[in-house]
Amino acid sequence: ADDPNKTWTLEDLKARGAKTYAANCVACHLANGQGVKGAFPALDGSKSVTGPKAAQIALELKGKPGTAMAAFERLSDAELAAVITYTRNSLGNKTGEALQPSEIKSARR
């Protein structure tokens, strides 16, 4: 199990996030984050990905009703922190922000 008190580095989060992305996100958003026009939004330059962290955390946890975006509450706090950090710092995005699992844990409440 993941240590909830561990502070992850940006590089560790991106590395783990790349694996989580490949397992859960790549089918719709594609390996390059460009998505499929008219079906699955691009993550590259996305306001959801480059905007406030809380909004992206909520989107990952709850999904988006009326769209193909599924809820990913089943992923661990560390997996979600990692994949969100990955999308915010890869696929053309460079926020420089690292999310910690504790941020996901508190958002689940």
PDB file of N, CA and C in Angstrom:
ATOM      1  N   ALA A   1       0.848  -1.207   0.000  1.00  0.00           N
ATOM      2  CA  ALA A   1       0.000   0.000   0.000  1.00  0.00           C
ATOM      3  C   ALA A   1       0.877   1.249   0.000  1.00  0.00           C
ATOM      4  N   ASP A   2       0.352   2.311  -0.535  1.00  0.00           N
ATOM      5  CA  ASP A   2       1.112   3.554  -0.603  1.00  0.00           C
ATOM      6  C   ASP A   2       1.105   4.255   0.746  1.00  0.00           C
ATOM      7  N   ASP A   3       2.241   4.782   1.129  1.00  0.00           N
ATOM      8  CA  ASP A   3       2.357   5.544   2.370  1.00  0.00           C
ATOM      9  C   ASP A   3       1.671   6.893   2.165  1.00  0.00           C
ATOM     10  N   PRO A   4       0.567   7.153   2.886  1.00  0.00           N
ATOM     11  CA  PRO A   4      -0.173   8.400   2.678  1.00  0.00           C
ATOM     12  C   PRO A   4       0.612   9.642   3.107  1.00  0.00           C
ATOM     13  N   ASN A   5       1.661   9.447   3.892  1.00  0.00           N
ATOM     14  CA  ASN A   5       2.438  10.586   4.377  1.00  0.00           C
ATOM     15  C   ASN A   5       3.657  10.881   3.516  1.00  0.00           C
ATOM     16  N   LYS A   6       3.895  10.031   2.511  1.00  0.00           N
ATOM     17  CA  LYS A   6       5.042  10.244   1.642  1.00  0.00           C
ATOM     18  C   LYS A   6       4.820  11.490   0.786  1.00  0.00           C
ATOM     19  N   THR A   7       5.858  12.293   0.647  1.00  0.00           N
ATOM     20  CA  THR A   7       5.820  13.413  -0.285  1.00  0.00           C
ATOM     21  C   THR A   7       6.559  12.977  -1.541  1.00  0.00           C
ATOM     22  N   TRP A   8       5.853  12.999  -2.647  1.00  0.00           N
ATOM     23  CA  TRP A   8       6.400  12.547  -3.919  1.00  0.00           C
ATOM     24  C   TRP A   8       7.069  13.709  -4.645  1.00  0.00           C
ATOM     25  N   THR A   9       8.125  13.403  -5.380  1.00  0.00           N
ATOM     26  CA  THR A   9       8.753  14.417  -6.219  1.00  0.00           C
ATOM     27  C   THR A   9       7.986  14.511  -7.532  1.00  0.00           C
ATOM     28  N   LEU A  10       8.136  15.618  -8.219  1.00  0.00           N
ATOM     29  CA  LEU A  10       7.491  15.803  -9.521  1.00  0.00           C
ATOM     30  C   LEU A  10       7.882  14.675 -10.471  1.00  0.00           C
ATOM     31  N   GLU A  11       9.169  14.312 -10.500  1.00  0.00           N
ATOM     32  CA  GLU A  11       9.629  13.260 -11.419  1.00  0.00           C
ATOM     33  C   GLU A  11       9.027  11.905 -11.074  1.00  0.00           C
ATOM     34  N   ASP A  12       8.952  11.569  -9.771  1.00  0.00           N
ATOM     35  CA  ASP A  12       8.342  10.293  -9.360  1.00  0.00           C
ATOM     36  C   ASP A  12       6.870  10.247  -9.760  1.00  0.00           C
ATOM     37  N   LEU A  13       6.183  11.354  -9.539  1.00  0.00           N
ATOM     38  CA  LEU A  13       4.761  11.418  -9.882  1.00  0.00           C
ATOM     39  C   LEU A  13       4.551  11.273 -11.387  1.00  0.00           C
ATOM     40  N   LYS A  14       5.370  11.965 -12.171  1.00  0.00           N
ATOM     41  CA  LYS A  14       5.232  11.872 -13.630  1.00  0.00           C
ATOM     42  C   LYS A  14       5.490  10.449 -14.125  1.00  0.00           C
ATOM     43  N   ALA A  15       6.500   9.791 -13.552  1.00  0.00           N
ATOM     44  CA  ALA A  15       6.820   8.427 -13.976  1.00  0.00           C
ATOM     45  C   ALA A  15       5.660   7.477 -13.653  1.00  0.00           C
ATOM     46  N   ARG A  16       5.142   7.578 -12.440  1.00  0.00           N
ATOM     47  CA  ARG A  16       4.011   6.726 -12.065  1.00  0.00           C
ATOM     48  C   ARG A  16       2.761   7.121 -12.853  1.00  0.00           C
ATOM     49  N   GLY A  17       2.574   8.418 -13.039  1.00  0.00           N
ATOM     50  CA  GLY A  17       1.415   8.899 -13.777  1.00  0.00           C
ATOM     51  C   GLY A  17       1.383   8.434 -15.215  1.00  0.00           C
ATOM     52  N   ALA A  18       2.565   8.321 -15.833  1.00  0.00           N
ATOM     53  CA  ALA A  18       2.636   7.839 -17.216  1.00  0.00           C
ATOM     54  C   ALA A  18       2.064   6.422 -17.311  1.00  0.00           C
ATOM     55  N   LYS A  19       2.355   5.590 -16.312  1.00  0.00           N
ATOM     56  CA  LYS A  19       1.836   4.214 -16.299  1.00  0.00           C
ATOM     57  C   LYS A  19       0.326   4.211 -16.078  1.00  0.00           C
ATOM     58  N   THR A  20      -0.154   5.043 -15.149  1.00  0.00           N
ATOM     59  CA  THR A  20      -1.583   5.121 -14.870  1.00  0.00           C
ATOM     60  C   THR A  20      -2.321   5.650 -16.094  1.00  0.00           C
ATOM     61  N   TYR A  21      -1.733   6.648 -16.767  1.00  0.00           N
ATOM     62  CA  TYR A  21      -2.323   7.209 -17.990  1.00  0.00           C
ATOM     63  C   TYR A  21      -2.439   6.124 -19.059  1.00  0.00           C
ATOM     64  N   ALA A  22      -1.361   5.357 -19.246  1.00  0.00           N
ATOM     65  CA  ALA A  22      -1.357   4.310 -20.271  1.00  0.00           C
ATOM     66  C   ALA A  22      -2.429   3.263 -20.000  1.00  0.00           C
ATOM     67  N   ALA A  23      -2.682   2.986 -18.729  1.00  0.00           N
ATOM     68  CA  ALA A  23      -3.652   1.954 -18.367  1.00  0.00           C
ATOM     69  C   ALA A  23      -5.104   2.440 -18.394  1.00  0.00           C
ATOM     70  N   ASN A  24      -5.331   3.743 -18.188  1.00  0.00           N
ATOM     71  CA  ASN A  24      -6.698   4.230 -17.984  1.00  0.00           C
ATOM     72  C   ASN A  24      -7.168   5.321 -18.931  1.00  0.00           C
ATOM     73  N   CYS A  25      -6.260   6.075 -19.524  1.00  0.00           N
ATOM     74  CA  CYS A  25      -6.647   7.295 -20.239  1.00  0.00           C
ATOM     75  C   CYS A  25      -6.353   7.267 -21.734  1.00  0.00           C
ATOM     76  N   VAL A  26      -5.346   6.459 -22.110  1.00  0.00           N
ATOM     77  CA  VAL A  26      -4.816   6.515 -23.471  1.00  0.00           C
ATOM     78  C   VAL A  26      -5.841   6.099 -24.524  1.00  0.00           C
ATOM     79  N   ALA A  27      -6.775   5.222 -24.173  1.00  0.00           N
ATOM     80  CA  ALA A  27      -7.750   4.753 -25.164  1.00  0.00           C
ATOM     81  C   ALA A  27      -8.577   5.900 -25.740  1.00  0.00           C
ATOM     82  N   CYS A  28      -8.900   6.877 -24.900  1.00  0.00           N
ATOM     83  CA  CYS A  28      -9.710   8.007 -25.359  1.00  0.00           C
ATOM     84  C   CYS A  28      -8.869   9.238 -25.698  1.00  0.00           C
ATOM     85  N   HIS A  29      -7.935   9.575 -24.819  1.00  0.00           N
ATOM     86  CA  HIS A  29      -7.182  10.820 -24.987  1.00  0.00           C
ATOM     87  C   HIS A  29      -5.907  10.655 -25.806  1.00  0.00           C
ATOM     88  N   LEU A  30      -5.574   9.413 -26.153  1.00  0.00           N
ATOM     89  CA  LEU A  30      -4.423   9.046 -26.979  1.00  0.00           C
ATOM     90  C   LEU A  30      -3.084   9.299 -26.277  1.00  0.00           C
ATOM     91  N   ALA A  31      -2.049   8.641 -26.785  1.00  0.00           N
ATOM     92  CA  ALA A  31      -0.726   8.701 -26.152  1.00  0.00           C
ATOM     93  C   ALA A  31      -0.163  10.118 -26.138  1.00  0.00           C
ATOM     94  N   ASN A  32      -0.510  10.918 -27.163  1.00  0.00           N
ATOM     95  CA  ASN A  32       0.022  12.284 -27.248  1.00  0.00           C
ATOM     96  C   ASN A  32      -0.892  13.320 -26.597  1.00  0.00           C
ATOM     97  N   GLY A  33      -2.011  12.863 -26.022  1.00  0.00           N
ATOM     98  CA  GLY A  33      -2.930  13.780 -25.355  1.00  0.00           C
ATOM     99  C   GLY A  33      -3.774  14.607 -26.301  1.00  0.00           C
ATOM    100  N   GLN A  34      -3.792  14.253 -27.575  1.00  0.00           N
ATOM    101  CA  GLN A  34      -4.541  15.047 -28.558  1.00  0.00           C
ATOM    102  C   GLN A  34      -6.023  14.684 -28.625  1.00  0.00           C
ATOM    103  N   GLY A  35      -6.404  13.535 -28.025  1.00  0.00           N
ATOM    104  CA  GLY A  35      -7.805  13.147 -28.043  1.00  0.00           C
ATOM    105  C   GLY A  35      -8.303  12.850 -29.449  1.00  0.00           C
ATOM    106  N   VAL A  36      -9.619  12.769 -29.592  1.00  0.00           N
ATOM    107  CA  VAL A  36     -10.257  12.516 -30.880  1.00  0.00           C
ATOM    108  C   VAL A  36     -11.275  13.617 -31.097  1.00  0.00           C
ATOM    109  N   LYS A  37     -11.047  14.423 -32.115  1.00  0.00           N
ATOM    110  CA  LYS A  37     -11.895  15.587 -32.373  1.00  0.00           C
ATOM    111  C   LYS A  37     -13.373  15.204 -32.403  1.00  0.00           C
ATOM    112  N   GLY A  38     -14.180  15.924 -31.632  1.00  0.00           N
ATOM    113  CA  GLY A  38     -15.612  15.681 -31.602  1.00  0.00           C
ATOM    114  C   GLY A  38     -16.038  14.549 -30.679  1.00  0.00           C
ATOM    115  N   ALA A  39     -15.064  13.794 -30.151  1.00  0.00           N
ATOM    116  CA  ALA A  39     -15.418  12.666 -29.287  1.00  0.00           C
ATOM    117  C   ALA A  39     -14.752  12.767 -27.921  1.00  0.00           C
ATOM    118  N   PHE A  40     -13.432  12.854 -27.917  1.00  0.00           N
ATOM    119  CA  PHE A  40     -12.668  12.890 -26.672  1.00  0.00           C
ATOM    120  C   PHE A  40     -11.763  14.106 -26.692  1.00  0.00           C
ATOM    121  N   PRO A  41     -11.908  15.021 -25.727  1.00  0.00           N
ATOM    122  CA  PRO A  41     -11.146  16.270 -25.777  1.00  0.00           C
ATOM    123  C   PRO A  41      -9.643  16.064 -25.658  1.00  0.00           C
ATOM    124  N   ALA A  42      -8.909  16.949 -26.311  1.00  0.00           N
ATOM    125  CA  ALA A  42      -7.460  16.965 -26.176  1.00  0.00           C
ATOM    126  C   ALA A  42      -7.103  17.413 -24.761  1.00  0.00           C
ATOM    127  N   LEU A  43      -6.037  16.853 -24.213  1.00  0.00           N
ATOM    128  CA  LEU A  43      -5.539  17.277 -22.905  1.00  0.00           C
ATOM    129  C   LEU A  43      -4.443  18.321 -23.077  1.00  0.00           C
ATOM    130  N   ASP A  44      -3.818  18.327 -24.242  1.00  0.00           N
ATOM    131  CA  ASP A  44      -2.776  19.299 -24.566  1.00  0.00           C
ATOM    132  C   ASP A  44      -3.411  20.690 -24.626  1.00  0.00           C
ATOM    133  N   GLY A  45      -3.043  21.544 -23.660  1.00  0.00           N
ATOM    134  CA  GLY A  45      -3.585  22.898 -23.631  1.00  0.00           C
ATOM    135  C   GLY A  45      -4.986  23.000 -23.048  1.00  0.00           C
ATOM    136  N   SER A  46      -5.531  21.903 -22.548  1.00  0.00           N
ATOM    137  CA  SER A  46      -6.888  21.894 -22.007  1.00  0.00           C
ATOM    138  C   SER A  46      -7.011  22.782 -20.775  1.00  0.00           C
ATOM    139  N   LYS A  47      -8.097  23.555 -20.714  1.00  0.00           N
ATOM    140  CA  LYS A  47      -8.347  24.377 -19.528  1.00  0.00           C
ATOM    141  C   LYS A  47      -8.594  23.501 -18.298  1.00  0.00           C
ATOM    142  N   SER A  48      -9.151  22.311 -18.497  1.00  0.00           N
ATOM    143  CA  SER A  48      -9.365  21.388 -17.374  1.00  0.00           C
ATOM    144  C   SER A  48      -8.044  20.939 -16.765  1.00  0.00           C
ATOM    145  N   VAL A  49      -7.028  20.805 -17.619  1.00  0.00           N
ATOM    146  CA  VAL A  49      -5.734  20.293 -17.177  1.00  0.00           C
ATOM    147  C   VAL A  49      -4.800  21.416 -16.710  1.00  0.00           C
ATOM    148  N   THR A  50      -4.930  22.587 -17.295  1.00  0.00           N
ATOM    149  CA  THR A  50      -4.012  23.677 -16.934  1.00  0.00           C
ATOM    150  C   THR A  50      -4.643  24.673 -15.965  1.00  0.00           C
ATOM    151  N   GLY A  51      -5.933  24.511 -15.688  1.00  0.00           N
ATOM    152  CA  GLY A  51      -6.635  25.406 -14.779  1.00  0.00           C
ATOM    153  C   GLY A  51      -6.504  24.967 -13.326  1.00  0.00           C
ATOM    154  N   PRO A  52      -7.456  25.359 -12.480  1.00  0.00           N
ATOM    155  CA  PRO A  52      -7.392  25.030 -11.055  1.00  0.00           C
ATOM    156  C   PRO A  52      -7.328  23.522 -10.802  1.00  0.00           C
ATOM    157  N   LYS A  53      -6.442  23.128  -9.898  1.00  0.00           N
ATOM    158  CA  LYS A  53      -6.266  21.709  -9.575  1.00  0.00           C
ATOM    159  C   LYS A  53      -7.562  21.089  -9.072  1.00  0.00           C
ATOM    160  N   ALA A  54      -8.293  21.794  -8.225  1.00  0.00           N
ATOM    161  CA  ALA A  54      -9.500  21.228  -7.601  1.00  0.00           C
ATOM    162  C   ALA A  54     -10.507  20.774  -8.653  1.00  0.00           C
ATOM    163  N   ALA A  55     -10.632  21.518  -9.730  1.00  0.00           N
ATOM    164  CA  ALA A  55     -11.590  21.165 -10.780  1.00  0.00           C
ATOM    165  C   ALA A  55     -11.165  19.874 -11.485  1.00  0.00           C
ATOM    166  N   GLN A  56      -9.873  19.736 -11.730  1.00  0.00           N
ATOM    167  CA  GLN A  56      -9.404  18.513 -12.387  1.00  0.00           C
ATOM    168  C   GLN A  56      -9.528  17.308 -11.449  1.00  0.00           C
ATOM    169  N   ILE A  57      -9.239  17.504 -10.183  1.00  0.00           N
ATOM    170  CA  ILE A  57      -9.396  16.414  -9.207  1.00  0.00           C
ATOM    171  C   ILE A  57     -10.850  15.954  -9.185  1.00  0.00           C
ATOM    172  N   ALA A  58     -11.795  16.893  -9.131  1.00  0.00           N
ATOM    173  CA  ALA A  58     -13.220  16.546  -9.107  1.00  0.00           C
ATOM    174  C   ALA A  58     -13.619  15.802 -10.376  1.00  0.00           C
ATOM    175  N   LEU A  59     -13.106  16.243 -11.518  1.00  0.00           N
ATOM    176  CA  LEU A  59     -13.414  15.595 -12.795  1.00  0.00           C
ATOM    177  C   LEU A  59     -12.917  14.155 -12.802  1.00  0.00           C
ATOM    178  N   GLU A  60     -11.710  13.922 -12.305  1.00  0.00           N
ATOM    179  CA  GLU A  60     -11.157  12.572 -12.273  1.00  0.00           C
ATOM    180  C   GLU A  60     -11.943  11.678 -11.313  1.00  0.00           C
ATOM    181  N   LEU A  61     -12.319  12.212 -10.167  1.00  0.00           N
ATOM    182  CA  LEU A  61     -13.037  11.413  -9.170  1.00  0.00           C
ATOM    183  C   LEU A  61     -14.469  11.121  -9.587  1.00  0.00           C
ATOM    184  N   LYS A  62     -15.163  12.117 -10.130  1.00  0.00           N
ATOM    185  CA  LYS A  62     -16.602  11.997 -10.378  1.00  0.00           C
ATOM    186  C   LYS A  62     -16.974  11.742 -11.840  1.00  0.00           C
ATOM    187  N   GLY A  63     -16.031  11.990 -12.765  1.00  0.00           N
ATOM    188  CA  GLY A  63     -16.379  11.890 -14.169  1.00  0.00           C
ATOM    189  C   GLY A  63     -17.187  13.108 -14.595  1.00  0.00           C
ATOM    190  N   LYS A  64     -17.707  13.078 -15.818  1.00  0.00           N
ATOM    191  CA  LYS A  64     -18.495  14.198 -16.322  1.00  0.00           C
ATOM    192  C   LYS A  64     -19.781  13.649 -16.927  1.00  0.00           C
ATOM    193  N   PRO A  65     -20.904  13.806 -16.216  1.00  0.00           N
ATOM    194  CA  PRO A  65     -22.180  13.271 -16.711  1.00  0.00           C
ATOM    195  C   PRO A  65     -22.489  13.770 -18.125  1.00  0.00           C
ATOM    196  N   GLY A  66     -23.069  12.880 -18.925  1.00  0.00           N
ATOM    197  CA  GLY A  66     -23.434  13.239 -20.287  1.00  0.00           C
ATOM    198  C   GLY A  66     -22.288  13.148 -21.273  1.00  0.00           C
ATOM    199  N   THR A  67     -21.119  12.719 -20.792  1.00  0.00           N
ATOM    200  CA  THR A  67     -19.959  12.546 -21.681  1.00  0.00           C
ATOM    201  C   THR A  67     -19.377  11.152 -21.444  1.00  0.00           C
ATOM    202  N   ALA A  68     -18.350  10.823 -22.220  1.00  0.00           N
ATOM    203  CA  ALA A  68     -17.676   9.532 -22.057  1.00  0.00           C
ATOM    204  C   ALA A  68     -16.698   9.538 -20.887  1.00  0.00           C
ATOM    205  N   MET A  69     -16.502  10.706 -20.248  1.00  0.00           N
ATOM    206  CA  MET A  69     -15.536  10.796 -19.155  1.00  0.00           C
ATOM    207  C   MET A  69     -16.049  10.045 -17.937  1.00  0.00           C
ATOM    208  N   ALA A  70     -15.389   8.930 -17.640  1.00  0.00           N
ATOM    209  CA  ALA A  70     -15.784   8.074 -16.524  1.00  0.00           C
ATOM    210  C   ALA A  70     -15.229   8.597 -15.207  1.00  0.00           C
ATOM    211  N   ALA A  71     -15.839   8.160 -14.114  1.00  0.00           N
ATOM    212  CA  ALA A  71     -15.306   8.447 -12.782  1.00  0.00           C
ATOM    213  C   ALA A  71     -14.179   7.461 -12.496  1.00  0.00           C
ATOM    214  N   PHE A  72     -13.116   7.945 -11.908  1.00  0.00           N
ATOM    215  CA  PHE A  72     -11.977   7.078 -11.591  1.00  0.00           C
ATOM    216  C   PHE A  72     -11.720   7.008 -10.093  1.00  0.00           C
ATOM    217  N   GLU A  73     -12.809   7.003  -9.312  1.00  0.00           N
ATOM    218  CA  GLU A  73     -12.694   6.900  -7.857  1.00  0.00           C
ATOM    219  C   GLU A  73     -11.995   5.623  -7.425  1.00  0.00           C
ATOM    220  N   ARG A  74     -12.047   4.585  -8.283  1.00  0.00           N
ATOM    221  CA  ARG A  74     -11.449   3.290  -7.937  1.00  0.00           C
ATOM    222  C   ARG A  74      -9.924   3.361  -7.893  1.00  0.00           C
ATOM    223  N   LEU A  75      -9.331   4.347  -8.538  1.00  0.00           N
ATOM    224  CA  LEU A  75      -7.874   4.476  -8.486  1.00  0.00           C
ATOM    225  C   LEU A  75      -7.451   4.976  -7.107  1.00  0.00           C
ATOM    226  N   SER A  76      -6.247   4.619  -6.699  1.00  0.00           N
ATOM    227  CA  SER A  76      -5.753   5.041  -5.389  1.00  0.00           C
ATOM    228  C   SER A  76      -5.438   6.540  -5.396  1.00  0.00           C
ATOM    229  N   ASP A  77      -5.316   7.102  -4.207  1.00  0.00           N
ATOM    230  CA  ASP A  77      -4.952   8.515  -4.087  1.00  0.00           C
ATOM    231  C   ASP A  77      -3.628   8.774  -4.793  1.00  0.00           C
ATOM    232  N   ALA A  78      -2.672   7.850  -4.630  1.00  0.00           N
ATOM    233  CA  ALA A  78      -1.359   8.023  -5.266  1.00  0.00           C
ATOM    234  C   ALA A  78      -1.470   7.937  -6.788  1.00  0.00           C
ATOM    235  N   GLU A  79      -2.276   7.009  -7.293  1.00  0.00           N
ATOM    236  CA  GLU A  79      -2.445   6.889  -8.746  1.00  0.00           C
ATOM    237  C   GLU A  79      -3.078   8.151  -9.324  1.00  0.00           C
ATOM    238  N   LEU A  80      -4.106   8.660  -8.656  1.00  0.00           N
ATOM    239  CA  LEU A  80      -4.769   9.868  -9.149  1.00  0.00           C
ATOM    240  C   LEU A  80      -3.852  11.085  -9.067  1.00  0.00           C
ATOM    241  N   ALA A  81      -3.130  11.226  -7.960  1.00  0.00           N
ATOM    242  CA  ALA A  81      -2.189  12.343  -7.838  1.00  0.00           C
ATOM    243  C   ALA A  81      -1.143  12.251  -8.940  1.00  0.00           C
ATOM    244  N   ALA A  82      -0.678  11.034  -9.209  1.00  0.00           N
ATOM    245  CA  ALA A  82       0.357  10.835 -10.224  1.00  0.00           C
ATOM    246  C   ALA A  82      -0.163  11.138 -11.627  1.00  0.00           C
ATOM    247  N   VAL A  83      -1.345  10.628 -11.965  1.00  0.00           N
ATOM    248  CA  VAL A  83      -1.836  10.825 -13.330  1.00  0.00           C
ATOM    249  C   VAL A  83      -2.228  12.285 -13.570  1.00  0.00           C
ATOM    250  N   ILE A  84      -2.753  12.954 -12.555  1.00  0.00           N
ATOM    251  CA  ILE A  84      -3.078  14.374 -12.718  1.00  0.00           C
ATOM    252  C   ILE A  84      -1.788  15.182 -12.864  1.00  0.00           C
ATOM    253  N   THR A  85      -0.780  14.865 -12.047  1.00  0.00           N
ATOM    254  CA  THR A  85       0.513  15.540 -12.179  1.00  0.00           C
ATOM    255  C   THR A  85       1.089  15.290 -13.571  1.00  0.00           C
ATOM    256  N   TYR A  86       0.990  14.057 -14.044  1.00  0.00           N
ATOM    257  CA  TYR A  86       1.486  13.712 -15.384  1.00  0.00           C
ATOM    258  C   TYR A  86       0.801  14.556 -16.455  1.00  0.00           C
ATOM    259  N   THR A  87      -0.536  14.643 -16.414  1.00  0.00           N
ATOM    260  CA  THR A  87      -1.231  15.394 -17.465  1.00  0.00           C
ATOM    261  C   THR A  87      -0.919  16.887 -17.385  1.00  0.00           C
ATOM    262  N   ARG A  88      -0.654  17.393 -16.195  1.00  0.00           N
ATOM    263  CA  ARG A  88      -0.364  18.823 -16.019  1.00  0.00           C
ATOM    264  C   ARG A  88       1.066  19.181 -16.407  1.00  0.00           C
ATOM    265  N   ASN A  89       1.927  18.154 -16.594  1.00  0.00           N
ATOM    266  CA  ASN A  89       3.339  18.391 -16.869  1.00  0.00           C
ATOM    267  C   ASN A  89       3.858  17.574 -18.044  1.00  0.00           C
ATOM    268  N   SER A  90       2.971  17.091 -18.887  1.00  0.00           N
ATOM    269  CA  SER A  90       3.320  16.300 -20.061  1.00  0.00           C
ATOM    270  C   SER A  90       2.277  16.610 -21.127  1.00  0.00           C
ATOM    271  N   LEU A  91       2.350  15.930 -22.258  1.00  0.00           N
ATOM    272  CA  LEU A  91       1.335  16.074 -23.308  1.00  0.00           C
ATOM    273  C   LEU A  91       1.208  17.525 -23.762  1.00  0.00           C
ATOM    274  N   GLY A  92       2.307  18.272 -23.697  1.00  0.00           N
ATOM    275  CA  GLY A  92       2.294  19.669 -24.122  1.00  0.00           C
ATOM    276  C   GLY A  92       2.018  20.648 -22.997  1.00  0.00           C
ATOM    277  N   ASN A  93       1.698  20.167 -21.799  1.00  0.00           N
ATOM    278  CA  ASN A  93       1.407  21.046 -20.657  1.00  0.00           C
ATOM    279  C   ASN A  93       2.616  21.125 -19.732  1.00  0.00           C
ATOM    280  N   LYS A  94       2.832  22.301 -19.145  1.00  0.00           N
ATOM    281  CA  LYS A  94       3.990  22.503 -18.277  1.00  0.00           C
ATOM    282  C   LYS A  94       3.621  23.407 -17.104  1.00  0.00           C
ATOM    283  N   THR A  95       2.750  22.919 -16.218  1.00  0.00           N
ATOM    284  CA  THR A  95       2.343  23.760 -15.084  1.00  0.00           C
ATOM    285  C   THR A  95       3.407  23.799 -13.996  1.00  0.00           C
ATOM    286  N   GLY A  96       4.255  22.769 -13.930  1.00  0.00           N
ATOM    287  CA  GLY A  96       5.250  22.686 -12.867  1.00  0.00           C
ATOM    288  C   GLY A  96       4.664  22.277 -11.528  1.00  0.00           C
ATOM    289  N   GLU A  97       3.374  21.917 -11.517  1.00  0.00           N
ATOM    290  CA  GLU A  97       2.696  21.557 -10.267  1.00  0.00           C
ATOM    291  C   GLU A  97       2.757  20.056 -10.020  1.00  0.00           C
ATOM    292  N   ALA A  98       3.052  19.687  -8.779  1.00  0.00           N
ATOM    293  CA  ALA A  98       3.012  18.296  -8.349  1.00  0.00           C
ATOM    294  C   ALA A  98       1.883  18.154  -7.336  1.00  0.00           C
ATOM    295  N   LEU A  99       0.956  17.252  -7.596  1.00  0.00           N
ATOM    296  CA  LEU A  99      -0.129  16.998  -6.648  1.00  0.00           C
ATOM    297  C   LEU A  99       0.274  15.850  -5.744  1.00  0.00           C
ATOM    298  N   GLN A 100      -0.029  15.965  -4.475  1.00  0.00           N
ATOM    299  CA  GLN A 100       0.288  14.906  -3.524  1.00  0.00           C
ATOM    300  C   GLN A 100      -0.966  14.065  -3.256  1.00  0.00           C
ATOM    301  N   PRO A 101      -0.771  12.773  -2.934  1.00  0.00           N
ATOM    302  CA  PRO A 101      -1.920  11.917  -2.632  1.00  0.00           C
ATOM    303  C   PRO A 101      -2.834  12.494  -1.550  1.00  0.00           C
ATOM    304  N   SER A 102      -2.270  13.235  -0.604  1.00  0.00           N
ATOM    305  CA  SER A 102      -3.091  13.823   0.459  1.00  0.00           C
ATOM    306  C   SER A 102      -4.140  14.786  -0.107  1.00  0.00           C
ATOM    307  N   GLU A 103      -3.829  15.450  -1.232  1.00  0.00           N
ATOM    308  CA  GLU A 103      -4.790  16.368  -1.859  1.00  0.00           C
ATOM    309  C   GLU A 103      -5.978  15.592  -2.431  1.00  0.00           C
ATOM    310  N   ILE A 104      -5.712  14.416  -2.970  1.00  0.00           N
ATOM    311  CA  ILE A 104      -6.785  13.574  -3.501  1.00  0.00           C
ATOM    312  C   ILE A 104      -7.630  13.050  -2.337  1.00  0.00           C
ATOM    313  N   LYS A 105      -6.947  12.596  -1.298  1.00  0.00           N
ATOM    314  CA  LYS A 105      -7.640  12.050  -0.132  1.00  0.00           C
ATOM    315  C   LYS A 105      -8.625  13.061   0.437  1.00  0.00           C
ATOM    316  N   SER A 106      -8.204  14.311   0.582  1.00  0.00           N
ATOM    317  CA  SER A 106      -9.104  15.309   1.154  1.00  0.00           C
ATOM    318  C   SER A 106     -10.249  15.657   0.176  1.00  0.00           C
ATOM    319  N   ALA A 107     -10.004  15.549  -1.127  1.00  0.00           N
ATOM    320  CA  ALA A 107     -11.050  15.847  -2.104  1.00  0.00           C
ATOM    321  C   ALA A 107     -12.117  14.760  -2.158  1.00  0.00           C
ATOM    322  N   ARG A 108     -11.797  13.570  -1.708  1.00  0.00           N
ATOM    323  CA  ARG A 108     -12.769  12.460  -1.722  1.00  0.00           C
ATOM    324  C   ARG A 108     -13.884  12.672  -0.703  1.00  0.00           C
ATOM    325  N   ARG A 109     -13.642  13.486   0.323  1.00  0.00           N
ATOM    326  CA  ARG A 109     -14.629  13.639   1.398  1.00  0.00           C
ATOM    327  C   ARG A 109     -15.904  14.296   0.934  1.00  0.00           C
TER     328      ARG A 109
END
